[in-house]
Protein backbone atom coordinates (compact mmCIF):
# COMPACT_ATOMS: atom_id res chain seq x y z
CA MET A 1 -0.03 0.19 0.28
CA LEU A 2 2.95 2.34 1.07
CA VAL A 3 4.57 1.70 -2.56
CA ALA A 4 1.64 2.42 -4.37
CA VAL A 5 1.08 5.64 -2.64
CA LEU A 6 4.89 6.36 -3.25
CA ALA A 7 4.64 5.37 -6.96
CA LEU A 8 1.73 7.84 -7.71
CA VAL A 9 3.62 10.54 -5.67
CA VAL A 10 6.70 10.13 -7.74
CA GLY A 11 3.93 10.18 -10.80
CA VAL A 12 2.50 12.90 -10.20
CA VAL A 13 5.83 15.17 -9.64
CA LEU A 14 7.60 13.90 -12.25
CA LEU A 15 4.66 14.40 -14.48
CA LYS A 16 4.17 17.93 -13.41
CA ASP A 17 7.86 18.77 -13.76
CA SER A 18 7.49 17.07 -17.44
CA VAL A 19 4.20 19.40 -18.12
CA LEU A 20 6.21 22.58 -16.20
CA GLY A 21 8.90 21.92 -18.15
CA SER A 22 7.77 21.71 -21.57
CA SER A 23 5.24 25.10 -20.74
CA ALA A 24 7.97 26.80 -19.32
CA THR A 25 10.49 26.15 -22.27
CA SER A 26 7.24 27.42 -24.59
CA SER A 27 6.24 30.42 -22.88
CA SER A 28 8.04 33.47 -23.56
CA GLY A 29 7.56 35.78 -20.49
CA PRO A 30 9.61 34.89 -17.63
CA SER A 31 8.54 32.51 -15.40
CA ALA A 32 7.32 32.67 -11.60
CA PRO A 33 8.96 33.38 -8.52
CA GLY A 34 6.69 30.45 -7.30
CA ASP A 35 7.70 28.13 -10.48
CA ASP A 36 11.45 27.81 -8.68
CA ASP A 37 9.86 26.31 -5.43
CA GLN A 38 7.90 23.80 -7.26
CA GLN A 39 10.82 22.73 -9.79
CA SER A 40 13.25 21.99 -6.26
CA PRO A 41 11.84 18.99 -5.67
CA ALA A 42 12.38 17.46 -9.37
CA PRO A 43 16.50 16.52 -7.90
CA THR A 44 15.35 14.20 -5.17
CA ALA A 45 12.22 12.74 -7.28
CA PRO A 46 14.88 9.70 -8.50
CA THR A 47 15.51 9.13 -5.21
CA PRO A 48 11.90 7.33 -4.20
CA THR A 49 11.67 6.29 -8.30
CA GLY A 50 13.83 3.66 -7.84
CA THR A 51 12.36 1.94 -5.16
CA PRO A 52 8.65 1.94 -6.40
CA SER A 53 9.47 0.57 -9.50
CA GLY A 54 8.47 -3.48 -8.86
CA SER A 55 7.83 -2.71 -5.91
CA PRO A 56 9.96 -3.34 -2.91
CA SER A 57 8.66 -6.37 -1.64
CA SER A 58 8.08 -8.36 -5.38
CA SER A 59 11.96 -7.26 -6.09
CA ALA A 60 13.47 -8.86 -3.28
CA SER A 61 11.60 -11.98 -3.64
CA SER A 62 12.19 -12.26 -7.08
CA THR A 63 15.87 -11.75 -6.63
CA ALA A 64 16.18 -13.93 -3.74
CA GLY A 65 13.77 -16.52 -6.01
CA SER A 66 16.02 -16.68 -9.02
CA ALA A 67 19.24 -16.47 -6.91
CA PRO A 68 20.20 -20.15 -6.29
CA THR A 69 20.62 -21.02 -2.55
CA VAL A 70 21.90 -24.14 -0.95
CA ASN A 71 19.45 -26.67 -0.26
CA LYS A 72 20.45 -29.23 2.53
CA ASN A 73 17.22 -31.69 1.05
CA VAL A 74 18.61 -32.39 -1.70
CA ARG A 75 19.90 -35.78 -1.17
CA VAL A 76 23.59 -36.53 -1.62
CA HIS A 77 24.90 -39.99 -2.42
CA VAL A 78 28.62 -40.88 -0.97
CA TRP A 79 30.54 -43.35 -3.48
CA ASN A 80 33.83 -44.84 -2.20
CA GLY A 81 36.18 -44.79 -5.46
CA THR A 82 39.36 -45.77 -2.98
CA SER A 83 40.36 -49.75 -1.41
CA ARG A 84 39.59 -48.15 2.29
CA SER A 85 36.89 -49.46 3.66
CA GLY A 86 34.39 -47.45 5.09
CA LEU A 87 35.09 -44.43 3.70
CA ALA A 88 31.66 -43.32 2.27
CA ALA A 89 29.62 -44.47 5.24
CA GLY A 90 32.28 -41.94 7.38
CA ALA A 91 31.73 -38.99 4.74
CA ALA A 92 28.03 -40.05 4.62
CA SER A 93 28.21 -39.88 8.37
CA LYS A 94 30.06 -36.51 8.61
CA LEU A 95 27.40 -35.13 6.08
CA THR A 96 24.37 -35.91 8.05
CA GLY A 97 25.99 -34.48 11.34
CA LYS A 98 25.87 -31.26 8.95
CA GLY A 99 22.54 -31.51 8.32
CA TRP A 100 22.53 -33.04 4.80
CA HIS A 101 20.46 -35.95 3.84
CA ALA A 102 23.49 -38.22 3.06
CA SER A 103 23.62 -41.90 2.50
CA SER A 104 26.32 -44.36 1.26
CA ALA A 105 26.37 -45.59 -2.07
CA GLY A 106 28.74 -48.29 -1.81
CA ASN A 107 32.02 -48.62 -3.31
CA ARG A 108 32.89 -47.38 -7.13
CA GLN A 109 35.11 -49.45 -8.25
CA GLY A 110 37.69 -48.36 -10.64
CA TYR A 111 37.42 -44.67 -10.09
CA GLY A 112 41.14 -43.98 -9.83
CA GLY A 113 40.40 -39.85 -9.55
CA ALA A 114 40.82 -37.13 -6.75
CA THR A 115 37.11 -36.81 -4.49
CA THR A 116 34.92 -34.48 -6.27
CA VAL A 117 31.64 -33.67 -5.60
CA TYR A 118 29.07 -33.85 -8.92
CA TYR A 119 26.03 -31.77 -9.34
CA THR A 120 23.31 -33.26 -11.89
CA LYS A 121 21.80 -29.97 -12.94
CA ALA A 122 22.79 -26.27 -12.52
CA SER A 123 20.45 -24.89 -10.11
CA LEU A 124 22.21 -27.52 -7.80
CA ARG A 125 26.08 -26.05 -7.89
CA VAL A 126 26.11 -23.98 -4.89
CA THR A 127 24.65 -26.77 -2.80
CA ALA A 128 27.47 -29.06 -4.45
CA LYS A 129 29.88 -26.20 -3.16
CA ALA A 130 28.12 -26.33 0.03
CA VAL A 131 28.93 -30.27 0.12
CA ALA A 132 32.50 -30.21 -0.88
CA LYS A 133 32.96 -27.32 1.61
CA ALA A 134 31.80 -29.44 4.33
CA LEU A 135 33.37 -32.71 3.61
CA GLY A 136 36.81 -30.18 3.45
CA GLY A 137 36.73 -28.46 -0.09
CA TYR A 138 36.90 -30.72 -2.66
CA PRO A 139 36.29 -29.54 -6.96
CA VAL A 140 33.05 -29.79 -7.90
CA LYS A 141 31.60 -30.47 -11.52
CA GLN A 142 27.97 -30.86 -13.45
CA SER A 143 28.03 -34.10 -14.48
CA THR A 144 25.08 -37.22 -14.87
CA ALA A 145 27.25 -39.41 -15.04
CA TYR A 146 27.33 -40.75 -11.31
CA GLY A 147 23.05 -40.48 -11.27
CA SER A 148 20.21 -38.19 -12.78
CA THR A 149 19.19 -36.42 -9.66
CA GLY A 150 21.01 -34.09 -6.69
CA VAL A 151 24.31 -34.30 -5.66
CA VAL A 152 26.72 -36.94 -6.00
CA VAL A 153 30.31 -37.30 -3.96
CA VAL A 154 32.82 -39.90 -5.45
CA LEU A 155 35.52 -40.06 -2.97
CA GLY A 156 39.40 -40.52 -4.27
CA SER A 157 42.70 -41.18 -2.53
CA ASP A 158 43.01 -37.42 -1.49
CA TYR A 159 39.57 -37.53 0.42
CA GLN A 160 41.09 -36.76 4.51
CA ALA A 161 38.26 -38.78 7.17
């Protein structure tokens, strides 16, 4: 409601300035002393103009809605890509203790790579980065090679339990 009133006031001020500006330039006589007083609010008009366009509440929610956020409700599958026993279960437990929905997915024979956190779609990138940080800071990559949904962690020999 306040935003609508503010937008209306700004619109009236801008309309008045455009009408006064065009009539002042088209008239050949000197302007009246009151005209200067009426035009002085014009420099302050741009300040409120930025606020009502799109209304603060919808603008803030659309910005927040479009920006990716960490989603701890995403299922995180942890694979052990090494020969060390229980590594995936330990990492999944560590993530669960930090509020993630993680589970051990088992062993990934023949992996041989470094620990990597994979995410399946771009909207999960921020979440994958948070998972990687929770495990100690590992690289993240977008891929569906290890599943088609959620976040997948494949532990390599570089993983520090």
